[in-house]
Protein backbone atom coordinates (compact mmCIF):
# COMPACT_ATOMS: atom_id res chain seq x y z
CA MET A 1 17.83 63.75 -44.74
CA THR A 2 18.54 59.87 -45.39
CA SER A 3 17.62 57.30 -42.82
CA ARG A 4 20.40 54.83 -41.67
CA ILE A 5 17.65 51.71 -41.87
CA PRO A 6 18.38 49.80 -45.10
CA ARG A 7 14.10 49.51 -46.50
CA ASP A 8 14.78 45.97 -47.37
CA SER A 9 15.86 44.58 -44.54
CA ARG A 10 17.35 40.63 -45.64
CA LEU A 11 17.50 38.25 -42.98
CA ARG A 12 20.50 35.71 -43.22
CA LEU A 13 19.00 32.40 -43.71
CA VAL A 14 20.50 29.74 -41.08
CA ARG A 15 18.87 26.35 -40.03
CA PRO A 16 16.43 27.11 -37.59
CA ARG A 17 18.19 25.89 -33.82
CA PRO A 18 16.55 23.96 -31.51
CA LEU A 19 15.20 26.35 -28.88
CA ALA A 20 16.42 23.00 -26.43
CA ALA A 21 20.53 23.75 -27.94
CA ALA A 22 19.91 27.88 -27.68
CA PRO A 23 22.11 29.37 -24.84
CA THR A 24 20.54 29.91 -21.18
CA ALA A 25 20.64 33.46 -19.68
CA VAL A 26 22.31 32.24 -16.09
CA ASN A 27 25.10 30.30 -16.91
CA GLN A 28 23.78 27.29 -14.87
CA ARG A 29 27.28 25.14 -13.30
CA ARG A 30 25.73 21.45 -12.34
CA LEU A 31 28.52 19.42 -9.65
CA ARG A 32 29.50 16.69 -11.52
CA ARG A 33 28.42 12.82 -10.38
CA PRO A 34 31.28 10.48 -9.72
CA ALA A 35 31.26 8.27 -11.89
CA PRO A 36 29.24 4.77 -10.98
CA ARG A 37 31.03 1.81 -10.77
CA PRO A 38 29.18 -1.03 -11.85
CA PRO A 39 28.39 -4.02 -8.83
CA GLU A 40 31.68 -6.18 -8.10
CA GLY A 41 31.66 -8.88 -10.61
CA THR A 42 30.61 -7.20 -13.60
CA PRO A 43 32.55 -8.25 -16.66
CA ALA A 44 34.31 -5.61 -18.30
CA PRO A 45 32.72 -3.64 -20.65
CA ALA A 46 34.26 -5.47 -23.76
CA GLU A 47 33.78 -8.63 -22.45
CA LEU A 48 29.82 -8.12 -21.87
CA ALA A 49 30.32 -6.81 -25.56
CA ARG A 50 31.22 -9.94 -26.62
CA MET A 51 28.60 -11.82 -25.05
CA ALA A 52 26.40 -9.22 -26.70
CA ARG A 53 27.25 -10.94 -29.82
CA SER A 54 27.07 -14.55 -29.17
CA GLY A 55 23.88 -13.77 -27.92
CA LEU A 56 22.62 -11.72 -31.01
CA ALA A 57 24.64 -13.76 -33.60
CA PRO A 58 21.94 -15.31 -35.17
CA ALA A 59 20.33 -11.77 -35.63
CA ALA A 60 23.18 -10.04 -37.34
CA ARG A 61 23.49 -12.49 -39.58
CA VAL A 62 20.63 -12.08 -40.92
CA ALA A 63 20.96 -8.37 -41.02
CA HIS A 64 24.19 -9.08 -43.22
CA TRP A 65 22.04 -11.16 -45.76
CA ALA A 66 19.44 -8.59 -45.50
CA ASP A 67 22.20 -5.71 -46.63
CA VAL A 68 23.90 -7.49 -49.39
CA ALA A 69 20.98 -9.32 -51.06
CA LEU A 70 18.46 -6.36 -50.82
CA ARG A 71 19.73 -4.26 -52.78
CA PRO A 72 19.27 -0.32 -51.80
CA GLY A 73 15.98 0.68 -52.42
CA ARG A 74 14.51 -2.67 -53.21
CA ASP A 75 11.35 -3.63 -50.89
CA GLY A 76 12.26 -6.70 -48.12
CA ALA A 77 8.85 -6.40 -46.35
CA ASN A 78 5.60 -6.94 -46.30
CA PRO A 79 2.81 -4.03 -47.79
CA ASP A 80 1.15 -3.81 -43.95
CA ASN A 81 4.26 -1.58 -42.57
CA LYS A 82 5.18 -3.57 -39.64
CA GLY A 83 8.38 -4.80 -40.82
CA THR A 84 7.57 -8.40 -41.88
CA LEU A 85 9.42 -10.12 -44.40
CA ALA A 86 7.78 -11.01 -47.18
CA ASP A 87 7.12 -14.58 -47.74
CA GLU A 88 9.49 -14.94 -50.69
CA THR A 89 12.00 -12.80 -48.84
CA ALA A 90 11.92 -15.45 -45.92
CA GLU A 91 12.27 -18.41 -48.52
CA ARG A 92 14.93 -16.63 -50.40
CA ALA A 93 17.23 -16.11 -46.89
CA ALA A 94 16.36 -19.85 -45.74
CA LEU A 95 17.75 -21.05 -48.94
CA ASP A 96 21.05 -18.67 -48.32
CA LEU A 97 21.50 -19.43 -44.87
CA GLY A 98 20.39 -23.05 -44.26
CA LEU A 99 17.66 -21.69 -41.34
CA THR A 100 14.33 -22.38 -41.34
CA VAL A 101 11.48 -19.88 -42.41
CA THR A 102 10.66 -20.09 -38.58
CA GLN A 103 13.93 -19.25 -37.72
CA VAL A 104 14.32 -16.03 -40.03
CA ARG A 105 11.79 -14.66 -39.18
CA ALA A 106 12.81 -14.71 -35.48
CA ASP A 107 16.38 -13.66 -36.02
CA TRP A 108 14.65 -10.84 -38.81
CA ASP A 109 12.43 -9.50 -35.52
CA THR A 110 15.68 -10.32 -33.60
CA ALA A 111 16.79 -7.84 -35.58
CA ARG A 112 14.49 -5.41 -35.78
CA LEU A 113 14.37 -5.04 -32.54
CA ALA A 114 18.44 -4.83 -31.51
CA GLY A 115 18.34 -1.87 -34.11
CA LEU A 116 20.25 -3.46 -36.49
CA VAL A 117 17.64 -3.68 -39.36
CA GLU A 118 15.24 -0.19 -39.72
CA VAL A 119 12.26 -0.66 -41.01
CA HIS A 120 10.63 3.00 -42.73
CA GLY A 121 7.25 2.21 -43.72
CA GLY A 122 7.54 -0.70 -45.91
CA THR A 123 11.58 -0.84 -46.88
CA ALA A 124 13.82 -2.29 -44.29
CA ARG A 125 17.54 -1.27 -44.76
CA PRO A 126 20.51 -2.01 -42.14
CA GLY A 127 20.92 -0.11 -39.01
CA TRP A 128 24.18 2.02 -37.65
CA ARG A 129 24.44 -0.81 -35.63
CA LEU A 130 25.00 -3.28 -38.15
CA ARG A 131 27.78 -1.18 -39.96
CA ALA A 132 29.82 -0.51 -36.42
CA TRP A 133 28.62 -4.11 -35.09
CA ASP A 134 32.40 -5.75 -35.71
CA ARG A 135 34.15 -2.25 -34.63
CA ASP A 136 32.30 -0.42 -31.61
CA ASP A 137 31.81 -2.00 -28.12
CA SER A 138 29.20 0.21 -27.31
CA ALA A 139 27.66 -0.02 -30.50
CA VAL A 140 26.94 -3.60 -29.63
CA LEU A 141 25.73 -3.14 -25.61
CA ARG A 142 23.26 -0.12 -27.06
CA GLY A 143 21.82 -2.54 -29.58
CA TRP A 144 21.57 -5.48 -26.40
CA VAL A 145 20.04 -2.95 -24.00
CA ALA A 146 17.75 -1.99 -26.80
CA LEU A 147 16.41 -5.89 -27.36
CA PHE A 148 16.33 -6.22 -23.39
CA ASP A 149 14.12 -3.34 -23.22
CA ALA A 150 11.72 -4.75 -25.60
CA TRP A 151 11.49 -8.16 -24.18
CA SER A 152 7.60 -8.32 -23.56
CA LEU A 153 7.63 -8.22 -27.67
CA ALA A 154 10.48 -10.93 -28.30
CA PHE A 155 8.18 -13.73 -26.92
CA PRO A 156 4.61 -14.70 -28.02
CA GLU A 157 1.84 -13.51 -25.13
CA PRO A 158 -0.51 -15.50 -23.34
CA THR A 159 -3.68 -14.86 -25.75
CA ASP A 160 -5.64 -16.41 -22.99
CA HIS A 161 -5.14 -13.47 -20.86
CA GLU A 162 -6.96 -10.02 -20.63
CA PRO A 163 -4.48 -7.19 -22.43
CA SER A 164 -4.55 -5.03 -19.34
CA ALA A 165 -3.50 -7.77 -17.11
CA VAL A 166 -0.58 -8.38 -19.06
CA ALA A 167 -0.42 -4.84 -19.61
CA GLU A 168 -0.02 -4.68 -15.30
CA VAL A 169 2.81 -7.35 -15.46
CA VAL A 170 4.91 -5.52 -17.83
CA SER A 171 5.25 -2.85 -15.92
CA ALA A 172 5.13 -4.40 -12.35
CA MET A 173 8.34 -6.52 -13.79
CA PRO A 174 11.23 -3.53 -13.40
CA GLN A 175 11.16 -4.38 -10.01
CA VAL A 176 11.60 -8.06 -9.96
CA LEU A 177 14.44 -7.13 -12.22
CA SER A 178 15.50 -4.64 -9.35
CA PHE A 179 15.40 -7.30 -6.99
CA LEU A 180 16.90 -10.06 -9.01
CA GLN A 181 19.81 -7.42 -9.43
CA LEU A 182 19.93 -6.87 -5.85
CA SER A 183 19.88 -10.93 -4.18
CA ALA A 184 22.89 -11.66 -7.25
CA GLY A 185 21.79 -15.01 -7.51
CA PRO A 186 19.03 -17.63 -7.77
CA VAL A 187 15.98 -16.30 -6.30
CA PRO A 188 12.79 -18.83 -6.33
CA VAL A 189 9.77 -18.25 -8.98
CA ASP A 190 7.53 -18.25 -5.72
CA GLN A 191 9.50 -15.27 -4.03
CA LEU A 192 9.01 -13.44 -7.38
CA LEU A 193 5.75 -13.90 -7.49
CA ASP A 194 4.75 -12.44 -4.08
CA LEU A 195 6.83 -9.87 -5.40
CA LEU A 196 5.27 -9.74 -7.95
CA GLN A 197 1.44 -9.67 -6.95
CA GLN A 198 2.26 -7.10 -4.93
CA ARG A 199 3.73 -4.90 -7.24
CA VAL A 200 0.29 -5.31 -8.81
CA THR A 201 -1.54 -4.61 -6.49
CA GLU A 202 0.13 -1.62 -5.75
CA LEU A 203 -0.57 -0.68 -9.39
CA ARG A 204 -4.67 -1.48 -8.99
CA THR A 205 -4.42 1.26 -5.82
CA GLU A 206 -2.41 3.78 -7.60
CA ARG A 207 -5.49 3.64 -10.54
CA CYS A 208 -7.85 3.43 -7.54
CA GLU A 209 -9.62 0.17 -8.94
CA ILE A 210 -10.90 -2.52 -7.42
CA PRO A 211 -8.81 -5.95 -8.01
CA TYR A 212 -10.92 -8.10 -10.71
CA GLY A 213 -10.71 -11.58 -10.20
CA PRO A 214 -12.60 -14.21 -7.80
CA GLN A 215 -14.71 -12.09 -5.18
CA PRO A 216 -16.61 -13.35 -2.03
CA VAL A 217 -19.37 -15.18 -2.70
CA PRO A 218 -22.73 -13.40 -1.11
CA ALA A 219 -23.90 -14.98 1.90
CA LEU A 220 -27.09 -17.06 0.51
CA SER A 221 -25.50 -18.38 -2.72
CA PRO A 222 -23.86 -22.16 -2.46
CA PRO A 223 -19.68 -22.58 -0.99
CA ALA A 224 -17.90 -22.38 -4.26
CA GLN A 225 -14.23 -23.20 -4.05
CA PRO A 226 -11.91 -20.13 -4.33
CA GLU A 227 -9.29 -20.09 -6.56
CA PRO A 228 -5.96 -19.62 -5.33
CA ALA A 229 -5.05 -15.88 -5.29
CA ASP A 230 -2.22 -16.59 -7.56
CA ALA A 231 -3.71 -17.82 -10.46
CA PRO A 232 -3.90 -15.00 -12.45
CA LEU A 233 -0.08 -13.96 -11.95
CA SER A 234 1.22 -17.28 -11.98
CA PRO A 235 1.19 -17.98 -15.87
CA LEU A 236 1.78 -14.32 -16.69
CA LEU A 237 5.44 -14.00 -14.74
CA ASP A 238 6.20 -17.84 -16.56
CA TRP A 239 5.61 -15.85 -19.52
CA ALA A 240 7.68 -12.72 -18.54
CA LEU A 241 10.32 -14.78 -17.24
CA ARG A 242 10.71 -17.35 -20.52
CA ALA A 243 10.04 -13.91 -22.85
CA LEU A 244 13.37 -12.26 -20.47
CA ALA A 245 15.28 -15.78 -20.79
CA SER A 246 14.85 -15.79 -24.71
CA VAL A 247 16.60 -12.49 -25.15
CA GLY A 248 19.57 -12.99 -22.94
CA ALA A 249 18.73 -11.47 -19.84
CA LEU A 250 18.51 -14.28 -17.40
CA THR A 251 18.18 -18.07 -17.12
CA TYR A 252 15.31 -20.23 -16.01
CA GLY A 253 14.67 -23.46 -14.52
CA ASP A 254 14.19 -25.59 -11.75
CA GLY A 255 11.58 -22.81 -9.69
CA GLN A 256 14.23 -20.15 -9.68
CA ALA A 257 15.33 -17.58 -12.17
CA THR A 258 18.97 -16.02 -12.72
CA LEU A 259 19.86 -12.51 -14.18
CA THR A 260 23.03 -13.30 -16.32
CA PRO A 261 25.68 -11.10 -16.67
CA LEU A 262 24.26 -9.06 -18.92
CA GLY A 263 21.09 -8.85 -18.04
CA ASN A 264 22.55 -7.35 -14.07
CA TRP A 265 24.29 -5.07 -16.29
CA ALA A 266 21.81 -3.91 -17.99
CA VAL A 267 19.15 -3.30 -14.92
CA TRP A 268 22.31 -1.96 -12.63
CA VAL A 269 22.64 0.98 -15.55
CA LYS A 270 18.73 1.81 -15.81
CA LEU A 271 18.81 1.92 -11.73
CA GLU A 272 21.81 4.20 -12.18
CA GLN A 273 19.31 6.14 -14.44
CA ILE A 274 16.99 6.44 -12.18
CA CYS A 275 19.05 7.33 -8.98
CA VAL A 276 20.79 10.52 -11.55
CA ALA A 277 16.66 11.36 -12.36
CA ALA A 278 16.12 11.43 -8.76
CA GLN A 279 18.91 13.70 -8.03
CA SER A 280 17.86 16.50 -9.50
CA PRO A 281 15.75 19.10 -8.58
CA ALA A 282 13.09 18.99 -10.29
CA GLY A 283 12.94 15.33 -8.82
CA ASN A 284 12.21 15.14 -12.70
CA ILE A 285 11.57 10.97 -12.96
CA GLU A 286 8.26 11.59 -11.00
CA GLN A 287 7.29 13.59 -12.85
CA ALA A 288 4.49 13.28 -15.86
CA ALA A 289 5.59 13.90 -19.53
CA GLU A 290 4.35 17.91 -19.35
CA ASP A 291 5.95 19.03 -15.70
CA MET A 292 9.48 16.75 -16.47
CA LEU A 293 10.01 18.60 -19.76
CA ARG A 294 9.31 21.53 -17.64
CA GLY A 295 12.07 20.84 -15.76
CA CYS A 296 14.61 20.08 -18.40
CA ALA A 297 13.81 23.65 -20.22
CA GLN A 298 16.63 25.41 -18.84
CA LEU A 299 18.62 21.97 -18.68
CA ARG A 300 22.02 22.51 -21.66
CA PRO A 301 21.34 19.87 -24.30
CA ASN A 302 23.16 16.87 -23.05
CA ALA A 303 21.87 17.20 -19.76
CA ALA A 304 18.42 17.64 -21.00
CA ARG A 305 18.98 14.20 -23.01
CA ALA A 306 20.12 12.34 -19.94
CA GLU A 307 17.33 13.62 -18.00
CA TYR A 308 14.87 12.59 -21.19
CA ARG A 309 16.75 9.12 -20.74
CA ALA A 310 16.30 8.29 -17.06
CA TRP A 311 12.72 9.53 -17.81
CA LEU A 312 12.28 7.03 -20.25
CA ALA A 313 14.21 4.28 -18.24
CA ALA A 314 11.32 4.39 -15.65
CA ARG A 315 8.33 3.73 -17.93
CA THR A 316 7.25 1.18 -20.74
CA VAL A 317 8.06 2.40 -24.63
CA GLY A 318 4.41 2.96 -25.35
CA SER A 319 3.15 5.12 -22.14
CA ALA A 320 6.25 7.15 -22.35
CA VAL A 321 5.07 8.07 -26.14
CA THR A 322 2.05 8.43 -25.45
CA GLU A 323 2.90 11.24 -22.82
CA LEU A 324 5.03 12.86 -24.25
CA LEU A 325 3.00 13.64 -27.37
CA GLY A 326 -0.07 14.08 -25.21
CA ALA A 327 2.58 17.20 -23.50
CA ALA A 328 3.01 17.89 -27.53
CA ARG A 329 -0.83 18.80 -27.75
CA GLY A 330 -0.64 21.41 -25.47
CA GLU A 331 -1.00 25.26 -25.86
CA ASP A 332 2.82 25.28 -24.75
CA ALA A 333 5.06 25.18 -27.68
CA LEU A 334 8.32 25.44 -25.45
CA LEU A 335 7.23 21.89 -23.95
CA ARG A 336 6.08 20.94 -28.26
CA GLY A 337 9.60 21.23 -29.56
CA LEU A 338 10.63 19.33 -25.89
CA ALA A 339 8.71 16.54 -26.40
CA PHE A 340 9.92 16.14 -29.94
CA GLU A 341 13.54 16.06 -28.26
CA ALA A 342 13.10 13.58 -26.06
CA LEU A 343 11.42 11.76 -28.95
CA ARG A 344 14.79 11.29 -30.71
CA VAL A 345 15.88 10.18 -27.46
CA VAL A 346 13.43 7.09 -28.13
CA GLY A 347 14.44 6.58 -31.38
CA ALA A 348 13.34 4.20 -33.90
CA PRO A 349 10.29 2.82 -31.32
CA ALA A 350 8.36 6.20 -31.50
CA GLU A 351 8.23 5.68 -35.27
CA PRO A 352 4.86 4.73 -35.36
CA ASP A 353 3.40 6.60 -33.45
CA VAL A 354 5.38 9.91 -34.46
CA ARG A 355 4.26 9.47 -38.01
CA SER A 356 0.27 9.04 -37.31
CA VAL A 357 0.21 12.29 -36.26
CA ALA A 358 1.55 14.02 -38.93
CA ASP A 359 -1.12 15.52 -40.38
CA GLU A 360 -2.48 17.03 -36.68
CA PRO A 361 -1.49 20.06 -37.55
CA THR A 362 -0.02 21.55 -34.65
CA LEU A 363 2.03 18.71 -34.48
CA ARG A 364 3.15 18.25 -38.62
CA PRO A 365 5.99 21.01 -38.84
CA TYR A 366 7.58 18.26 -35.56
CA ALA A 367 6.40 15.07 -36.51
CA LEU A 368 8.42 15.65 -40.21
CA LEU A 369 11.59 16.60 -39.01
CA TRP A 370 12.39 13.99 -36.65
CA LEU A 371 11.17 11.67 -39.39
CA ALA A 372 13.73 12.91 -41.74
CA GLU A 373 16.29 12.49 -39.61
CA HIS A 374 14.75 9.28 -38.37
CA ASP A 375 15.49 8.31 -42.13
CA GLY A 376 18.79 9.28 -42.47
CA ILE A 377 18.48 12.86 -43.48
CA ASP A 378 20.89 15.27 -41.73
CA PRO A 379 19.75 17.03 -39.50
CA GLU A 380 21.17 20.06 -41.93
CA ASP A 381 18.56 19.27 -44.17
CA ALA A 382 16.32 18.49 -42.23
CA HIS A 383 13.84 21.51 -42.52
CA GLU A 384 14.01 21.19 -46.28
CA VAL A 385 11.30 18.67 -45.76
CA LEU A 386 8.65 21.36 -44.92
CA THR A 387 6.58 22.91 -46.97
CA ARG A 388 7.16 27.16 -47.30
CA GLU A 389 3.87 27.37 -45.10
CA GLU A 390 4.88 24.42 -42.53
CA ALA A 391 8.03 25.90 -42.47
CA THR A 392 6.35 29.43 -41.53
CA TRP A 393 4.08 28.24 -39.06
CA LEU A 394 7.03 26.39 -37.24
CA TRP A 395 8.94 29.76 -36.99
CA VAL A 396 5.51 31.26 -35.76
CA ASP A 397 5.72 28.61 -33.20
CA THR A 398 8.96 28.85 -31.83
CA ALA A 399 8.54 32.36 -31.31
CA ALA A 400 5.85 31.87 -29.33
CA ALA A 401 8.25 29.71 -26.99
CA VAL A 402 10.88 32.32 -26.96
CA ALA A 403 8.04 34.93 -26.26
CA ASP A 404 7.01 33.22 -23.53
CA HIS A 405 10.48 31.51 -21.73
CA GLY A 406 13.10 33.58 -23.37
CA GLU A 407 14.42 37.15 -23.92
CA ALA A 408 14.29 40.04 -26.33
CA PRO A 409 17.58 39.24 -27.47
CA MET A 410 16.60 36.13 -28.76
CA LEU A 411 13.42 36.71 -30.04
CA VAL A 412 15.08 39.85 -32.08
CA ARG A 413 18.25 36.65 -33.07
CA HIS A 414 15.46 34.41 -34.32
CA LEU A 415 14.30 36.70 -37.02
CA GLU A 416 17.20 34.95 -38.55
CA SER A 417 16.19 31.18 -38.42
CA ALA A 418 13.10 32.30 -41.10
CA VAL A 419 13.00 31.05 -44.48
CA GLN A 420 11.72 33.96 -46.32
CA PRO A 421 14.08 36.34 -47.83
CA THR A 422 13.16 39.88 -46.20
CA ILE A 423 10.98 41.33 -43.61
CA PRO A 424 7.65 42.37 -45.28
CA MET A 425 7.57 38.96 -46.92
CA LEU A 426 7.85 37.45 -43.50
CA LEU A 427 5.61 39.18 -42.44
CA ASP A 428 2.54 38.45 -45.58
CA GLU A 429 3.08 34.63 -44.71
CA VAL A 430 3.17 35.18 -41.45
CA ARG A 431 -0.09 36.67 -41.30
CA ALA A 432 -1.33 33.93 -43.78
CA VAL A 433 -0.30 30.93 -42.09
CA GLY A 434 -3.05 31.50 -39.33
CA HIS A 435 -1.11 30.14 -35.94
CA PRO A 436 -3.44 30.89 -33.45
CA ARG A 437 -0.58 32.81 -31.90
CA THR A 438 1.03 35.03 -34.18
CA VAL A 439 -0.51 38.74 -32.47
CA GLN A 440 1.61 37.34 -29.28
CA VAL A 441 4.38 36.80 -31.40
CA LEU A 442 4.27 39.95 -33.27
CA VAL A 443 3.68 42.09 -31.18
CA ALA A 444 6.56 40.61 -28.64
CA LEU A 445 8.59 40.80 -31.48
CA ALA A 446 7.66 44.90 -32.08
CA ALA A 447 8.76 45.36 -28.37
CA ALA A 448 11.50 43.66 -29.11
CA HIS A 449 13.57 44.98 -31.75
CA PRO A 450 15.63 48.08 -31.66
CA ASP A 451 14.93 48.64 -35.30
CA PRO A 452 12.04 51.91 -35.05
CA ALA A 453 11.48 51.33 -38.76
CA LEU A 454 11.11 47.28 -38.69
CA ALA A 455 9.28 47.81 -35.09
CA LYS A 456 6.73 49.62 -36.83
CA ALA A 457 5.98 47.23 -39.51
CA VAL A 458 5.42 44.71 -37.15
CA ARG A 459 3.23 46.51 -35.28
CA ARG A 460 1.44 47.25 -38.14
CA ALA A 461 1.04 43.28 -39.19
CA ALA A 462 -0.01 42.57 -35.47
CA PHE A 463 -3.02 45.02 -35.63
CA GLN A 464 -4.06 43.60 -39.10
CA VAL A 465 -3.78 40.20 -37.56
CA HIS A 466 -6.40 41.31 -35.03
CA THR A 467 -8.57 43.15 -36.55
CA GLY A 468 -8.63 40.73 -40.05
CA GLY A 469 -7.80 44.14 -42.28
CA SER A 470 -5.35 43.86 -44.89
C-alpha cells in the first residue's frame, strides 16, 4: 500500500504577506462616512497647492540643485548622519544658486522636513515628492503638511528654557491651533496665552505633577515680589507662533495671530482625522498604542491605515514612535507586526528610532524590512535583506500571531511563506532559531494541519524542542 502523501513535501515559495493584510474570518461592513467638506471659504486644492509651491519654492530649488549636482552615490551629508550639508557642498550650492551658505542650509533643512530630500544614513537623495512636484498637487500638499507637522523643528527653540517646558508647549499647541481655526480670524495673543496656560496645566495635572515655577514663600520669609503667572509661557508661545509663521501656517504680528489659508486647511484636516477615529467602535484616538493596535487588528489594511493616521495626528511624532516601539517589544507578535505597519504610515521621521532598534533580536527582522522599504527597495523584494535565520525567526513570530489571533486554515497557509523548500528543512531551522514561541507554534500547526504524516513530524519536532532533544 503506497502512501498518498509525498515524502518530500515541497513548499511553494511566496513573499510573506503582512499579517494585517490577511483576510479576516468575518466579512466586515463599515458604513462609509460622507466625504467631509472643508470650511466655507477654503481655497480649492489646486489653489492650496499653488500656495504650497510658492512657500516651498526655495526648498525645492535647493533640492533640484542637489538632484542635478550631486551624482547618484555621492555623499552630500556630514558624517554625523543627521543629514546636514557638508561645508564644501553648502558653499558650492551657494555659489551656483546665488545665495548665502546660511540660506542654503535653511532651505536644505526645509526640503528635508517637507520630504523633498530624503536622508538615509549619510546619503541624501531626492524624495518622491520632488519627482512629482510639478504635476501632482496632492504630493505638494503632503509635503507642506509634513513641514507643518514639523514646525517645532523648523525654527530654533529657546535655549534658556527647560526642555520639559518646551515639550509641554509643543504638546499643547494643537489645541491653540484648533482655537485659531474655529475663530476664523485674528485672535489676540493674550487670549492664546490664556488657552495655552490652561492646556499646560491640564497636561501637568494628568501627570499628577506639582507645577513648577514661583511658589508661595513661607510666612517667616521676607515678602517677595511674585513673577507674573505667564512669565514661563509667554516667550515659549512667542517662539511657537514664530515657528508656525516660518512654515507659512499663520501670520503673527501686532499682538495677534491669524491662520493662513494653508494653515486653516491643514488644521481642519487634522481635526477631521481625529473625528473619524473618534467614531470608530474602539475609540482608538484616546487609546495607548497597544490598545489602539488591538482595536485595528480586525480592520482591513486601508481602514487600519486610516486609523493609524488619525491616531498619529493627535500626538507628536516622537511620542507616537516611542509608544509604537514599546508595543512592538511586548509578547504579542500580532502587535509587533501591526506596530511596524503603523510606523510605515509615520514614514521618514521614524527612521532614526527604527534604525536604533535594529540590533534588538525581537525587532530586528521587522526593522530591517522597514528600513529596506524606506530606502526604496520594492516591498516584494525587501525580504531579501534578511538572513536565512532572521527570515526563519520572522516566520515563527508571524506564526505565533496567527496561532493566537487567527484561524487554523490561515496557520496552514502560512507554511507557504517559509523560505525553506522542504518541511524537514523548515523544522530543522525553526528548532535552531531559538524563538521563545517555537513549541506553541509547532503544536498549533500540528493540530491544524490536515496531513497526518506532516502533523506527526511537526509534533515530533515540538517535543524535541520542548525536551531539548535531537
